[in-house]
């Protein structure tokens, strides 16, 4: 599943199995923007840009290939 970064427009690729039921943050590898995402049954339900990048990130993930 892919989501567009709300900061720069880059298509962040998320592993379908790992993100089938997920609520948390994803980090764009292009601009380092943080997105708060929620998926249910493999479908994207919400995507929001996290405005305050100084907030502790915890277990944010990235949709970037290593």
N, C-alpha and C. Protein backbone atom coordinates (compact mmCIF):
# COMPACT_ATOMS: atom_id res chain seq x y z
N UNK A 1 0.86 -1.17 0.00
CA UNK A 1 0.00 0.00 0.00
C UNK A 1 0.90 1.23 0.00
N UNK A 2 0.46 2.24 -0.69
CA UNK A 2 1.24 3.47 -0.80
C UNK A 2 0.41 4.65 -0.32
N UNK A 3 1.09 5.57 0.35
CA UNK A 3 0.46 6.82 0.75
C UNK A 3 1.33 7.96 0.25
N UNK A 4 0.72 9.07 -0.08
CA UNK A 4 1.48 10.25 -0.47
C UNK A 4 1.84 11.04 0.77
N UNK A 5 3.11 11.43 0.86
CA UNK A 5 3.54 12.29 1.95
C UNK A 5 2.79 13.62 1.82
N UNK A 6 2.20 14.06 2.89
CA UNK A 6 1.44 15.31 2.87
C UNK A 6 2.34 16.53 2.92
N UNK A 7 3.64 16.31 3.13
CA UNK A 7 4.59 17.41 3.16
C UNK A 7 5.22 17.65 1.80
N UNK A 8 5.65 16.56 1.12
CA UNK A 8 6.37 16.73 -0.14
C UNK A 8 5.75 16.00 -1.33
N UNK A 9 4.80 15.10 -1.09
CA UNK A 9 4.14 14.39 -2.17
C UNK A 9 4.78 13.07 -2.55
N UNK A 10 5.92 12.72 -1.93
CA UNK A 10 6.58 11.45 -2.22
C UNK A 10 5.65 10.29 -1.88
N UNK A 11 5.66 9.24 -2.71
CA UNK A 11 4.84 8.05 -2.45
C UNK A 11 5.59 7.13 -1.49
N UNK A 12 5.11 7.06 -0.26
CA UNK A 12 5.71 6.22 0.77
C UNK A 12 5.09 4.83 0.63
N UNK A 13 5.94 3.81 0.45
CA UNK A 13 5.49 2.44 0.26
C UNK A 13 5.48 1.72 1.61
N UNK A 14 4.32 1.23 1.99
CA UNK A 14 4.16 0.51 3.25
C UNK A 14 3.89 -0.96 2.97
N UNK A 15 4.54 -1.84 3.71
CA UNK A 15 4.34 -3.28 3.56
C UNK A 15 2.89 -3.63 3.89
N UNK A 16 2.20 -4.26 2.95
CA UNK A 16 0.77 -4.57 3.14
C UNK A 16 0.52 -5.44 4.37
N UNK A 17 1.37 -6.44 4.61
CA UNK A 17 1.15 -7.33 5.75
C UNK A 17 1.42 -6.63 7.08
N UNK A 18 2.50 -5.87 7.14
CA UNK A 18 2.87 -5.20 8.39
C UNK A 18 1.91 -4.07 8.76
N UNK A 19 1.24 -3.50 7.76
CA UNK A 19 0.39 -2.35 8.00
C UNK A 19 -1.10 -2.64 7.79
N UNK A 20 -1.49 -3.92 7.82
CA UNK A 20 -2.89 -4.28 7.61
C UNK A 20 -3.80 -3.64 8.66
N UNK A 21 -3.38 -3.66 9.91
CA UNK A 21 -4.09 -3.01 11.01
C UNK A 21 -3.04 -2.26 11.81
N UNK A 22 -2.92 -0.97 11.55
CA UNK A 22 -1.83 -0.18 12.13
C UNK A 22 -2.33 1.20 12.48
N UNK A 23 -1.85 1.69 13.62
CA UNK A 23 -2.06 3.08 13.96
C UNK A 23 -0.76 3.59 14.56
N UNK A 24 -0.19 4.59 13.91
CA UNK A 24 1.08 5.13 14.37
C UNK A 24 1.66 6.06 13.33
N UNK A 25 2.95 6.27 13.46
CA UNK A 25 3.62 7.22 12.58
C UNK A 25 4.44 6.53 11.52
N UNK A 26 4.56 7.20 10.40
CA UNK A 26 5.43 6.78 9.32
C UNK A 26 6.25 8.00 8.92
N UNK A 27 7.52 7.77 8.60
CA UNK A 27 8.41 8.87 8.27
C UNK A 27 8.76 8.82 6.80
N UNK A 28 8.63 9.94 6.13
CA UNK A 28 8.99 10.05 4.72
C UNK A 28 10.52 10.10 4.61
N UNK A 29 11.07 9.26 3.74
CA UNK A 29 12.53 9.24 3.60
C UNK A 29 13.04 10.39 2.73
N UNK A 30 12.16 11.06 2.02
CA UNK A 30 12.57 12.16 1.17
C UNK A 30 12.71 13.47 1.95
N UNK A 31 11.68 13.81 2.72
CA UNK A 31 11.69 15.10 3.43
C UNK A 31 11.71 14.95 4.96
N UNK A 32 11.68 13.72 5.45
CA UNK A 32 11.64 13.41 6.89
C UNK A 32 10.36 13.88 7.55
N UNK A 33 9.34 14.15 6.76
CA UNK A 33 8.04 14.51 7.33
C UNK A 33 7.43 13.33 8.07
N UNK A 34 6.74 13.62 9.15
CA UNK A 34 6.09 12.57 9.93
C UNK A 34 4.60 12.55 9.62
N UNK A 35 4.11 11.36 9.35
CA UNK A 35 2.70 11.17 9.06
C UNK A 35 2.08 10.28 10.11
N UNK A 36 0.96 10.67 10.63
CA UNK A 36 0.19 9.83 11.54
C UNK A 36 -0.79 9.08 10.67
N UNK A 37 -0.69 7.73 10.65
CA UNK A 37 -1.55 6.96 9.77
C UNK A 37 -2.37 5.95 10.56
N UNK A 38 -3.50 5.56 9.98
CA UNK A 38 -4.35 4.52 10.56
C UNK A 38 -4.89 3.68 9.42
N UNK A 39 -4.69 2.36 9.54
CA UNK A 39 -5.22 1.43 8.56
C UNK A 39 -6.05 0.37 9.27
N UNK A 40 -7.06 -0.12 8.59
CA UNK A 40 -7.89 -1.20 9.09
C UNK A 40 -8.12 -2.16 7.94
N UNK A 41 -7.85 -3.45 8.18
CA UNK A 41 -8.02 -4.48 7.15
C UNK A 41 -7.30 -4.14 5.85
N UNK A 42 -6.12 -3.56 5.96
CA UNK A 42 -5.32 -3.26 4.78
C UNK A 42 -5.76 -2.04 4.00
N UNK A 43 -6.68 -1.27 4.55
CA UNK A 43 -7.16 -0.06 3.87
C UNK A 43 -6.83 1.17 4.70
N UNK A 44 -6.37 2.20 4.01
CA UNK A 44 -6.02 3.44 4.68
C UNK A 44 -7.29 4.15 5.13
N UNK A 45 -7.34 4.47 6.42
CA UNK A 45 -8.50 5.17 6.97
C UNK A 45 -8.20 6.64 7.24
N UNK A 46 -6.95 6.95 7.61
CA UNK A 46 -6.60 8.36 7.82
C UNK A 46 -5.09 8.56 7.68
N UNK A 47 -4.74 9.74 7.19
CA UNK A 47 -3.35 10.17 7.09
C UNK A 47 -3.32 11.64 7.47
N UNK A 48 -2.48 11.98 8.45
CA UNK A 48 -2.35 13.37 8.88
C UNK A 48 -0.88 13.71 9.01
N UNK A 49 -0.53 14.93 8.68
CA UNK A 49 0.84 15.41 8.84
C UNK A 49 1.03 15.80 10.29
N UNK A 50 2.11 15.30 10.91
CA UNK A 50 2.45 15.67 12.28
C UNK A 50 3.25 16.97 12.19
N UNK A 51 2.67 18.04 12.68
CA UNK A 51 3.29 19.37 12.55
C UNK A 51 4.50 19.56 13.44
N UNK A 52 4.45 19.03 14.64
CA UNK A 52 5.52 19.26 15.63
C UNK A 52 6.54 18.13 15.54
N UNK A 53 7.63 18.34 14.79
CA UNK A 53 8.65 17.30 14.65
C UNK A 53 9.51 17.14 15.90
N UNK A 54 9.29 17.95 16.92
CA UNK A 54 10.06 17.83 18.15
C UNK A 54 9.43 16.84 19.13
N UNK A 55 8.21 16.41 18.85
CA UNK A 55 7.53 15.45 19.71
C UNK A 55 8.26 14.11 19.64
N UNK A 56 8.48 13.43 20.78
CA UNK A 56 9.14 12.12 20.74
C UNK A 56 8.40 11.20 19.77
N UNK A 57 9.18 10.49 18.95
CA UNK A 57 8.60 9.72 17.88
C UNK A 57 8.24 8.29 18.26
N UNK A 58 8.91 7.70 19.21
CA UNK A 58 8.59 6.33 19.57
C UNK A 58 8.92 5.38 18.45
N UNK A 59 7.96 4.58 18.02
CA UNK A 59 8.17 3.53 17.04
C UNK A 59 7.75 3.94 15.63
N UNK A 60 8.12 5.12 15.21
CA UNK A 60 7.75 5.53 13.85
C UNK A 60 8.46 4.63 12.86
N UNK A 61 7.85 4.47 11.73
CA UNK A 61 8.40 3.59 10.71
C UNK A 61 8.71 4.40 9.46
N UNK A 62 9.36 3.78 8.54
CA UNK A 62 9.66 4.45 7.30
C UNK A 62 9.27 3.58 6.13
N UNK A 63 8.80 4.17 5.07
CA UNK A 63 8.44 3.42 3.88
C UNK A 63 9.52 3.50 2.83
N UNK A 64 10.78 3.53 3.24
CA UNK A 64 11.88 3.70 2.32
C UNK A 64 12.69 2.43 2.24
N UNK A 65 13.14 2.11 1.05
CA UNK A 65 14.00 0.94 0.88
C UNK A 65 15.38 1.22 1.45
N UNK A 66 15.97 0.21 2.03
CA UNK A 66 17.30 0.38 2.64
C UNK A 66 18.37 0.37 1.58
